[in-house]
Amino acid sequence: MGKVYLTGAGPGDIDLLTVKALRVVQQADVIIYDRLANPDILQEAKDGCEFIYVGKEDSHHTLPQEEINEVIYQSALKYEKVVRLKGGDPLVFGRGGEEGIYLRERGIEFEFIPGITSAIAVPEYAGIPVTHRGVTVSFRVVTGHESKNKEHSQIPWENYKTDDTIVFLMGLHRLKKITQKLIEIGKPKDHPIAVISRGTTPDEKTVVGTLDDIYEKAKELPTPALIVVGEVVKLRDQLSWFEK
């Protein structure tokens, strides 16, 4: 049986791929990759490496997660070195933990290779620090995507009343609900917010507004997109660098 490397591909910019991740990509016999992993990374693979796409986009899944788990497992039975390449970090809303448990239960050896998470890197490329002395001392990372089949939200909105910075991942299609909920719990309507589309790539675009107007400003942005809420958004005027 082979070994599986549950590998973070970083937020998009191929130069943000870690040295360790690059090394296993170059040695892989098969790479199982998702939509958020920069496809240029695959060009680093050796001749003869097999590629298996298991991407997910909004409500459309090439394969459900249960089948992806099985694809990884079957690949480990066939190949010596299996790379499961996931956008960002495999354990930050990446379901890498589920894949690791599935493999452990079947006796397959695996290793996590951390990736630079978009929760920090994408705001940074947009000139928005998630923490800044004198402005904020903490930040929270929240999934912006919940199953439509769930009757009640699992997000503890009331806990976010006093948060300094909130980063929502995968939340563009729920942007209106997110802003409404934040206003409902007491955030002022003019509270700063930014939406960053396709962060760290040449197509990056950032829209800045308030909880009251950001939906109309940003609703047409393409995915993937990340949402940052907090006073740190105001620092973009001084710190924006990549989009310039």
C-alpha atoms as a PDB file:
ATOM      1  CA  MET A   1       0.000   0.000   0.000  1.00  0.00           C
ATOM      2  CA  GLY A   2       1.108   3.523  -0.729  1.00  0.00           C
ATOM      3  CA  LYS A   3       1.238   6.662   1.351  1.00  0.00           C
ATOM      4  CA  VAL A   4      -1.109   9.627   0.955  1.00  0.00           C
ATOM      5  CA  TYR A   5       0.037  13.225   1.326  1.00  0.00           C
ATOM      6  CA  LEU A   6      -2.915  15.465   2.227  1.00  0.00           C
ATOM      7  CA  THR A   7      -1.352  18.594   0.829  1.00  0.00           C
ATOM      8  CA  GLY A   8      -2.259  22.282   0.957  1.00  0.00           C
ATOM      9  CA  ALA A   9      -1.807  24.033  -2.378  1.00  0.00           C
ATOM     10  CA  GLY A  10      -2.009  27.536  -0.917  1.00  0.00           C
ATOM     11  CA  PRO A  11      -4.424  30.327  -1.856  1.00  0.00           C
ATOM     12  CA  GLY A  12      -3.764  30.549  -5.614  1.00  0.00           C
ATOM     13  CA  ASP A  13      -0.434  32.176  -6.346  1.00  0.00           C
ATOM     14  CA  ILE A  14       1.826  29.253  -7.289  1.00  0.00           C
ATOM     15  CA  ASP A  15       4.774  30.978  -5.616  1.00  0.00           C
ATOM     16  CA  LEU A  16       2.991  30.478  -2.278  1.00  0.00           C
ATOM     17  CA  LEU A  17       3.243  26.697  -2.586  1.00  0.00           C
ATOM     18  CA  THR A  18       5.519  25.426   0.181  1.00  0.00           C
ATOM     19  CA  VAL A  19       8.833  23.758  -0.587  1.00  0.00           C
ATOM     20  CA  LYS A  20       7.635  20.522   0.989  1.00  0.00           C
ATOM     21  CA  ALA A  21       4.415  20.520  -1.045  1.00  0.00           C
ATOM     22  CA  LEU A  22       6.381  21.112  -4.251  1.00  0.00           C
ATOM     23  CA  ARG A  23       8.688  18.225  -3.424  1.00  0.00           C
ATOM     24  CA  VAL A  24       5.860  15.684  -2.996  1.00  0.00           C
ATOM     25  CA  VAL A  25       4.107  16.976  -6.133  1.00  0.00           C
ATOM     26  CA  GLN A  26       7.302  16.346  -8.101  1.00  0.00           C
ATOM     27  CA  GLN A  27       7.553  12.814  -6.704  1.00  0.00           C
ATOM     28  CA  ALA A  28       3.854  11.855  -6.904  1.00  0.00           C
ATOM     29  CA  ASP A  29       2.572   8.866  -8.854  1.00  0.00           C
ATOM     30  CA  VAL A  30      -0.947  10.303  -8.826  1.00  0.00           C
ATOM     31  CA  ILE A  31      -2.332  13.722  -7.894  1.00  0.00           C
ATOM     32  CA  ILE A  32      -5.973  14.045  -6.820  1.00  0.00           C
ATOM     33  CA  TYR A  33      -6.761  17.747  -7.012  1.00  0.00           C
ATOM     34  CA  ASP A  34      -9.672  20.108  -6.467  1.00  0.00           C
ATOM     35  CA  ARG A  35     -10.931  23.295  -8.115  1.00  0.00           C
ATOM     36  CA  LEU A  36      -9.131  25.716  -5.820  1.00  0.00           C
ATOM     37  CA  ALA A  37      -5.670  24.258  -6.394  1.00  0.00           C
ATOM     38  CA  ASN A  38      -3.785  26.243  -9.042  1.00  0.00           C
ATOM     39  CA  PRO A  39      -3.651  23.888 -12.085  1.00  0.00           C
ATOM     40  CA  ASP A  40      -0.196  25.216 -12.967  1.00  0.00           C
ATOM     41  CA  ILE A  41       1.085  23.173 -10.020  1.00  0.00           C
ATOM     42  CA  LEU A  42       0.386  20.024 -12.030  1.00  0.00           C
ATOM     43  CA  GLN A  43       3.061  21.046 -14.528  1.00  0.00           C
ATOM     44  CA  GLU A  44       5.621  20.306 -11.813  1.00  0.00           C
ATOM     45  CA  ALA A  45       4.649  16.619 -11.757  1.00  0.00           C
ATOM     46  CA  LYS A  46       6.919  13.967 -13.226  1.00  0.00           C
ATOM     47  CA  ASP A  47       6.228  12.247 -16.546  1.00  0.00           C
ATOM     48  CA  GLY A  48       3.638   9.514 -16.215  1.00  0.00           C
ATOM     49  CA  CYS A  49       1.936  10.972 -13.163  1.00  0.00           C
ATOM     50  CA  GLU A  50      -1.825  10.423 -13.228  1.00  0.00           C
ATOM     51  CA  PHE A  51      -4.183  13.344 -12.545  1.00  0.00           C
ATOM     52  CA  ILE A  52      -7.654  12.909 -11.040  1.00  0.00           C
ATOM     53  CA  TYR A  53      -9.946  15.944 -10.783  1.00  0.00           C
ATOM     54  CA  VAL A  54     -12.473  15.930  -7.947  1.00  0.00           C
ATOM     55  CA  GLY A  55     -13.399  19.614  -7.892  1.00  0.00           C
ATOM     56  CA  LYS A  56     -16.437  21.168  -6.254  1.00  0.00           C
ATOM     57  CA  GLU A  57     -18.135  24.415  -7.226  1.00  0.00           C
ATOM     58  CA  ASP A  58     -21.094  25.848  -5.338  1.00  0.00           C
ATOM     59  CA  SER A  59     -23.800  23.169  -5.428  1.00  0.00           C
ATOM     60  CA  HIS A  60     -22.133  21.130  -8.179  1.00  0.00           C
ATOM     61  CA  HIS A  61     -19.765  18.387  -7.091  1.00  0.00           C
ATOM     62  CA  THR A  62     -17.801  16.282  -9.558  1.00  0.00           C
ATOM     63  CA  LEU A  63     -17.899  13.643  -6.818  1.00  0.00           C
ATOM     64  CA  PRO A  64     -19.470  13.744  -3.337  1.00  0.00           C
ATOM     65  CA  GLN A  65     -16.985  13.711  -0.460  1.00  0.00           C
ATOM     66  CA  GLU A  66     -17.664  10.051   0.350  1.00  0.00           C
ATOM     67  CA  GLU A  67     -16.626   9.056  -3.170  1.00  0.00           C
ATOM     68  CA  ILE A  68     -13.563  11.305  -3.044  1.00  0.00           C
ATOM     69  CA  ASN A  69     -12.480   9.479   0.110  1.00  0.00           C
ATOM     70  CA  GLU A  70     -12.782   6.186  -1.748  1.00  0.00           C
ATOM     71  CA  VAL A  71     -10.839   7.498  -4.766  1.00  0.00           C
ATOM     72  CA  ILE A  72      -7.970   8.450  -2.456  1.00  0.00           C
ATOM     73  CA  TYR A  73      -8.082   5.045  -0.774  1.00  0.00           C
ATOM     74  CA  GLN A  74      -8.141   3.114  -4.040  1.00  0.00           C
ATOM     75  CA  SER A  75      -5.259   5.212  -5.353  1.00  0.00           C
ATOM     76  CA  ALA A  76      -3.214   4.275  -2.281  1.00  0.00           C
ATOM     77  CA  LEU A  77      -3.797   0.606  -3.094  1.00  0.00           C
ATOM     78  CA  LYS A  78      -2.471   1.169  -6.602  1.00  0.00           C
ATOM     79  CA  TYR A  79       0.306   3.744  -6.231  1.00  0.00           C
ATOM     80  CA  GLU A  80       3.251   4.231  -3.884  1.00  0.00           C
ATOM     81  CA  LYS A  81       2.982   8.014  -3.505  1.00  0.00           C
ATOM     82  CA  VAL A  82      -0.452   9.696  -3.625  1.00  0.00           C
ATOM     83  CA  VAL A  83      -0.861  13.472  -3.376  1.00  0.00           C
ATOM     84  CA  ARG A  84      -4.269  14.839  -2.459  1.00  0.00           C
ATOM     85  CA  LEU A  85      -3.880  18.493  -3.482  1.00  0.00           C
ATOM     86  CA  LYS A  86      -6.316  20.865  -1.800  1.00  0.00           C
ATOM     87  CA  GLY A  87      -6.663  24.633  -2.115  1.00  0.00           C
ATOM     88  CA  GLY A  88      -5.410  26.578   0.893  1.00  0.00           C
ATOM     89  CA  ASP A  89      -4.729  24.366   3.890  1.00  0.00           C
ATOM     90  CA  PRO A  90      -6.146  20.828   4.077  1.00  0.00           C
ATOM     91  CA  LEU A  91      -7.564  21.344   7.580  1.00  0.00           C
ATOM     92  CA  VAL A  92      -9.062  24.841   7.244  1.00  0.00           C
ATOM     93  CA  PHE A  93     -12.536  23.961   5.955  1.00  0.00           C
ATOM     94  CA  GLY A  94     -10.775  21.592   3.582  1.00  0.00           C
ATOM     95  CA  ARG A  95     -12.246  18.309   4.876  1.00  0.00           C
ATOM     96  CA  GLY A  96      -8.756  16.905   5.099  1.00  0.00           C
ATOM     97  CA  GLY A  97      -9.576  15.574   8.547  1.00  0.00           C
ATOM     98  CA  GLU A  98     -12.389  13.457   7.127  1.00  0.00           C
ATOM     99  CA  GLU A  99     -10.077  12.083   4.466  1.00  0.00           C
ATOM    100  CA  GLY A 100      -7.408  11.291   7.043  1.00  0.00           C
ATOM    101  CA  ILE A 101      -9.877   9.423   9.261  1.00  0.00           C
ATOM    102  CA  TYR A 102     -11.137   7.434   6.266  1.00  0.00           C
ATOM    103  CA  LEU A 103      -7.596   6.377   5.417  1.00  0.00           C
ATOM    104  CA  ARG A 104      -6.639   5.555   9.017  1.00  0.00           C
ATOM    105  CA  GLU A 105      -9.677   3.288   9.362  1.00  0.00           C
ATOM    106  CA  ARG A 106      -8.446   1.351   6.313  1.00  0.00           C
ATOM    107  CA  GLY A 107      -4.836   1.085   7.381  1.00  0.00           C
ATOM    108  CA  ILE A 108      -3.424   3.614   4.917  1.00  0.00           C
ATOM    109  CA  GLU A 109      -0.474   5.749   6.008  1.00  0.00           C
ATOM    110  CA  PHE A 110      -0.932   9.492   5.486  1.00  0.00           C
ATOM    111  CA  GLU A 111       0.754  12.800   6.204  1.00  0.00           C
ATOM    112  CA  PHE A 112      -0.583  16.351   6.362  1.00  0.00           C
ATOM    113  CA  ILE A 113       1.379  19.025   4.532  1.00  0.00           C
ATOM    114  CA  PRO A 114       0.111  22.437   5.655  1.00  0.00           C
ATOM    115  CA  GLY A 115      -0.669  25.082   3.069  1.00  0.00           C
ATOM    116  CA  ILE A 116      -0.877  28.852   3.371  1.00  0.00           C
ATOM    117  CA  THR A 117      -4.537  29.482   4.153  1.00  0.00           C
ATOM    118  CA  SER A 118      -6.504  31.993   2.105  1.00  0.00           C
ATOM    119  CA  ALA A 119      -7.966  33.328   5.371  1.00  0.00           C
ATOM    120  CA  ILE A 120      -4.719  35.226   5.960  1.00  0.00           C
ATOM    121  CA  ALA A 121      -3.001  35.355   2.565  1.00  0.00           C
ATOM    122  CA  VAL A 122      -5.889  36.738   0.501  1.00  0.00           C
ATOM    123  CA  PRO A 123      -6.562  39.748   2.766  1.00  0.00           C
ATOM    124  CA  GLU A 124      -2.808  40.325   2.937  1.00  0.00           C
ATOM    125  CA  TYR A 125      -2.545  40.488  -0.863  1.00  0.00           C
ATOM    126  CA  ALA A 126      -5.431  42.960  -0.809  1.00  0.00           C
ATOM    127  CA  GLY A 127      -3.616  45.146   1.707  1.00  0.00           C
ATOM    128  CA  ILE A 128      -5.854  44.193   4.644  1.00  0.00           C
ATOM    129  CA  PRO A 129      -4.054  42.850   7.730  1.00  0.00           C
ATOM    130  CA  VAL A 130      -6.243  40.576   9.838  1.00  0.00           C
ATOM    131  CA  THR A 131      -4.539  42.030  12.936  1.00  0.00           C
ATOM    132  CA  HIS A 132      -2.943  45.434  13.433  1.00  0.00           C
ATOM    133  CA  ARG A 133      -1.547  47.099  16.554  1.00  0.00           C
ATOM    134  CA  GLY A 134      -3.963  49.655  17.912  1.00  0.00           C
ATOM    135  CA  VAL A 135      -6.822  48.398  15.735  1.00  0.00           C
ATOM    136  CA  THR A 136      -7.395  44.717  16.437  1.00  0.00           C
ATOM    137  CA  VAL A 137      -5.887  42.003  18.589  1.00  0.00           C
ATOM    138  CA  SER A 138      -7.826  38.987  17.299  1.00  0.00           C
ATOM    139  CA  PHE A 139      -9.521  37.526  14.267  1.00  0.00           C
ATOM    140  CA  ARG A 140     -12.031  34.762  13.627  1.00  0.00           C
ATOM    141  CA  VAL A 141     -12.286  32.530  10.557  1.00  0.00           C
ATOM    142  CA  VAL A 142     -15.794  31.324   9.721  1.00  0.00           C
ATOM    143  CA  THR A 143     -17.238  29.166   6.990  1.00  0.00           C
ATOM    144  CA  GLY A 144     -19.525  31.193   4.777  1.00  0.00           C
ATOM    145  CA  HIS A 145     -21.031  28.039   3.318  1.00  0.00           C
ATOM    146  CA  GLU A 146     -23.550  25.812   5.072  1.00  0.00           C
ATOM    147  CA  SER A 147     -25.595  22.964   3.692  1.00  0.00           C
ATOM    148  CA  LYS A 148     -28.926  24.068   2.294  1.00  0.00           C
ATOM    149  CA  ASN A 149     -30.432  20.960   3.888  1.00  0.00           C
ATOM    150  CA  LYS A 150     -29.810  22.252   7.407  1.00  0.00           C
ATOM    151  CA  GLU A 151     -32.887  23.846   8.932  1.00  0.00           C
ATOM    152  CA  HIS A 152     -30.919  25.986  11.384  1.00  0.00           C
ATOM    153  CA  SER A 153     -27.551  27.675  11.007  1.00  0.00           C
ATOM    154  CA  GLN A 154     -24.667  26.219  13.001  1.00  0.00           C
ATOM    155  CA  ILE A 155     -22.905  29.589  13.022  1.00  0.00           C
ATOM    156  CA  PRO A 156     -23.098  31.139  16.537  1.00  0.00           C
ATOM    157  CA  TRP A 157     -23.802  34.663  15.337  1.00  0.00           C
ATOM    158  CA  GLU A 158     -24.303  36.100  18.830  1.00  0.00           C
ATOM    159  CA  ASN A 159     -20.663  35.311  19.612  1.00  0.00           C
ATOM    160  CA  TYR A 160     -19.503  37.718  16.919  1.00  0.00           C
ATOM    161  CA  LYS A 161     -20.782  40.912  18.530  1.00  0.00           C
ATOM    162  CA  THR A 162     -17.392  41.992  19.827  1.00  0.00           C
ATOM    163  CA  ASP A 163     -15.076  40.294  17.353  1.00  0.00           C
ATOM    164  CA  ASP A 164     -12.322  42.525  15.977  1.00  0.00           C
ATOM    165  CA  THR A 165     -11.901  40.932  12.538  1.00  0.00           C
ATOM    166  CA  ILE A 166     -14.087  38.256  10.952  1.00  0.00           C
ATOM    167  CA  VAL A 167     -13.032  36.391   7.818  1.00  0.00           C
ATOM    168  CA  PHE A 168     -15.705  34.407   5.970  1.00  0.00           C
ATOM    169  CA  LEU A 169     -14.533  31.762   3.523  1.00  0.00           C
ATOM    170  CA  MET A 170     -16.749  30.603   0.635  1.00  0.00           C
ATOM    171  CA  GLY A 171     -19.476  33.085   1.535  1.00  0.00           C
ATOM    172  CA  LEU A 172     -20.144  35.145  -1.589  1.00  0.00           C
ATOM    173  CA  HIS A 173     -23.498  33.508  -2.327  1.00  0.00           C
ATOM    174  CA  ARG A 174     -24.588  34.156   1.259  1.00  0.00           C
ATOM    175  CA  LEU A 175     -23.242  37.697   1.414  1.00  0.00           C
ATOM    176  CA  LYS A 176     -26.643  39.305   1.921  1.00  0.00           C
ATOM    177  CA  LYS A 177     -27.542  36.958   4.768  1.00  0.00           C
ATOM    178  CA  ILE A 178     -24.140  37.428   6.394  1.00  0.00           C
ATOM    179  CA  THR A 179     -24.436  41.211   6.420  1.00  0.00           C
ATOM    180  CA  GLN A 180     -28.036  41.068   7.660  1.00  0.00           C
ATOM    181  CA  LYS A 181     -27.093  38.773  10.535  1.00  0.00           C
ATOM    182  CA  LEU A 182     -24.170  40.977  11.569  1.00  0.00           C
ATOM    183  CA  ILE A 183     -26.430  44.029  11.637  1.00  0.00           C
ATOM    184  CA  GLU A 184     -29.034  42.075  13.622  1.00  0.00           C
ATOM    185  CA  ILE A 185     -26.527  41.245  16.369  1.00  0.00           C
ATOM    186  CA  GLY A 186     -25.523  44.873  16.737  1.00  0.00           C
ATOM    187  CA  LYS A 187     -22.800  45.663  14.227  1.00  0.00           C
ATOM    188  CA  PRO A 188     -23.360  49.197  12.859  1.00  0.00           C
ATOM    189  CA  LYS A 189     -24.615  49.458   9.297  1.00  0.00           C
ATOM    190  CA  ASP A 190     -21.543  51.514   8.339  1.00  0.00           C
ATOM    191  CA  HIS A 191     -19.142  48.853   9.685  1.00  0.00           C
ATOM    192  CA  PRO A 192     -16.316  48.275   7.152  1.00  0.00           C
ATOM    193  CA  ILE A 193     -16.341  45.151   4.986  1.00  0.00           C
ATOM    194  CA  ALA A 194     -14.421  43.970   1.933  1.00  0.00           C
ATOM    195  CA  VAL A 195     -14.998  41.203  -0.583  1.00  0.00           C
ATOM    196  CA  ILE A 196     -11.917  39.840  -2.340  1.00  0.00           C
ATOM    197  CA  SER A 197     -12.432  37.782  -5.488  1.00  0.00           C
ATOM    198  CA  ARG A 198      -9.826  35.342  -6.827  1.00  0.00           C
ATOM    199  CA  GLY A 199      -7.276  36.502  -4.290  1.00  0.00           C
ATOM    200  CA  THR A 200      -3.503  36.204  -4.906  1.00  0.00           C
ATOM    201  CA  THR A 201      -4.085  35.570  -8.637  1.00  0.00           C
ATOM    202  CA  PRO A 202      -3.732  38.016 -11.559  1.00  0.00           C
ATOM    203  CA  ASP A 203      -7.565  38.255 -11.573  1.00  0.00           C
ATOM    204  CA  GLU A 204      -7.765  39.493  -7.988  1.00  0.00           C
ATOM    205  CA  LYS A 205     -10.360  42.192  -7.401  1.00  0.00           C
ATOM    206  CA  THR A 206     -11.363  43.811  -4.123  1.00  0.00           C
ATOM    207  CA  VAL A 207     -14.574  45.700  -3.394  1.00  0.00           C
ATOM    208  CA  VAL A 208     -14.846  47.725  -0.182  1.00  0.00           C
ATOM    209  CA  GLY A 209     -18.049  48.968   1.411  1.00  0.00           C
ATOM    210  CA  THR A 210     -20.200  48.811   4.512  1.00  0.00           C
ATOM    211  CA  LEU A 211     -22.496  46.143   5.880  1.00  0.00           C
ATOM    212  CA  ASP A 212     -25.348  48.188   4.461  1.00  0.00           C
ATOM    213  CA  ASP A 213     -24.155  48.495   0.849  1.00  0.00           C
ATOM    214  CA  ILE A 214     -21.598  45.761   0.130  1.00  0.00           C
ATOM    215  CA  TYR A 215     -24.113  43.300  -1.287  1.00  0.00           C
ATOM    216  CA  GLU A 216     -25.046  45.566  -4.185  1.00  0.00           C
ATOM    217  CA  LYS A 217     -21.420  46.477  -4.783  1.00  0.00           C
ATOM    218  CA  ALA A 218     -19.999  42.960  -4.763  1.00  0.00           C
ATOM    219  CA  LYS A 219     -22.769  40.559  -5.754  1.00  0.00           C
ATOM    220  CA  GLU A 220     -21.476  40.192  -9.331  1.00  0.00           C
ATOM    221  CA  LEU A 221     -17.924  39.268  -8.362  1.00  0.00           C
ATOM    222  CA  PRO A 222     -16.765  35.825  -9.522  1.00  0.00           C
ATOM    223  CA  THR A 223     -15.924  33.056  -7.096  1.00  0.00           C
ATOM    224  CA  PRO A 224     -13.906  32.042  -5.198  1.00  0.00           C
ATOM    225  CA  ALA A 225     -14.285  35.048  -2.943  1.00  0.00           C
ATOM    226  CA  LEU A 226     -13.457  35.866   0.647  1.00  0.00           C
ATOM    227  CA  ILE A 227     -15.155  38.354   2.979  1.00  0.00           C
ATOM    228  CA  VAL A 228     -13.350  40.440   5.612  1.00  0.00           C
ATOM    229  CA  VAL A 229     -15.297  42.375   8.242  1.00  0.00           C
ATOM    230  CA  GLY A 230     -13.684  44.875  10.607  1.00  0.00           C
ATOM    231  CA  GLU A 231     -11.869  48.161  11.074  1.00  0.00           C
ATOM    232  CA  VAL A 232      -8.730  46.667   9.474  1.00  0.00           C
ATOM    233  CA  VAL A 233     -10.451  47.058   6.091  1.00  0.00           C
ATOM    234  CA  LYS A 234      -9.771  50.812   6.341  1.00  0.00           C
ATOM    235  CA  LEU A 235      -6.022  50.131   6.228  1.00  0.00           C
ATOM    236  CA  ARG A 236      -6.295  48.984   2.623  1.00  0.00           C
ATOM    237  CA  ASP A 237      -5.917  52.567   1.390  1.00  0.00           C
ATOM    238  CA  GLN A 238      -2.407  52.641   2.859  1.00  0.00           C
ATOM    239  CA  LEU A 239      -1.382  49.007   2.413  1.00  0.00           C
ATOM    240  CA  SER A 240      -2.795  47.925  -0.944  1.00  0.00           C
ATOM    241  CA  TRP A 241       0.081  46.642  -3.081  1.00  0.00           C
ATOM    242  CA  PHE A 242      -0.715  43.593  -5.203  1.00  0.00           C
ATOM    243  CA  GLU A 243      -3.560  45.019  -7.258  1.00  0.00           C
ATOM    244  CA  LYS A 244      -1.447  48.070  -8.084  1.00  0.00           C
END
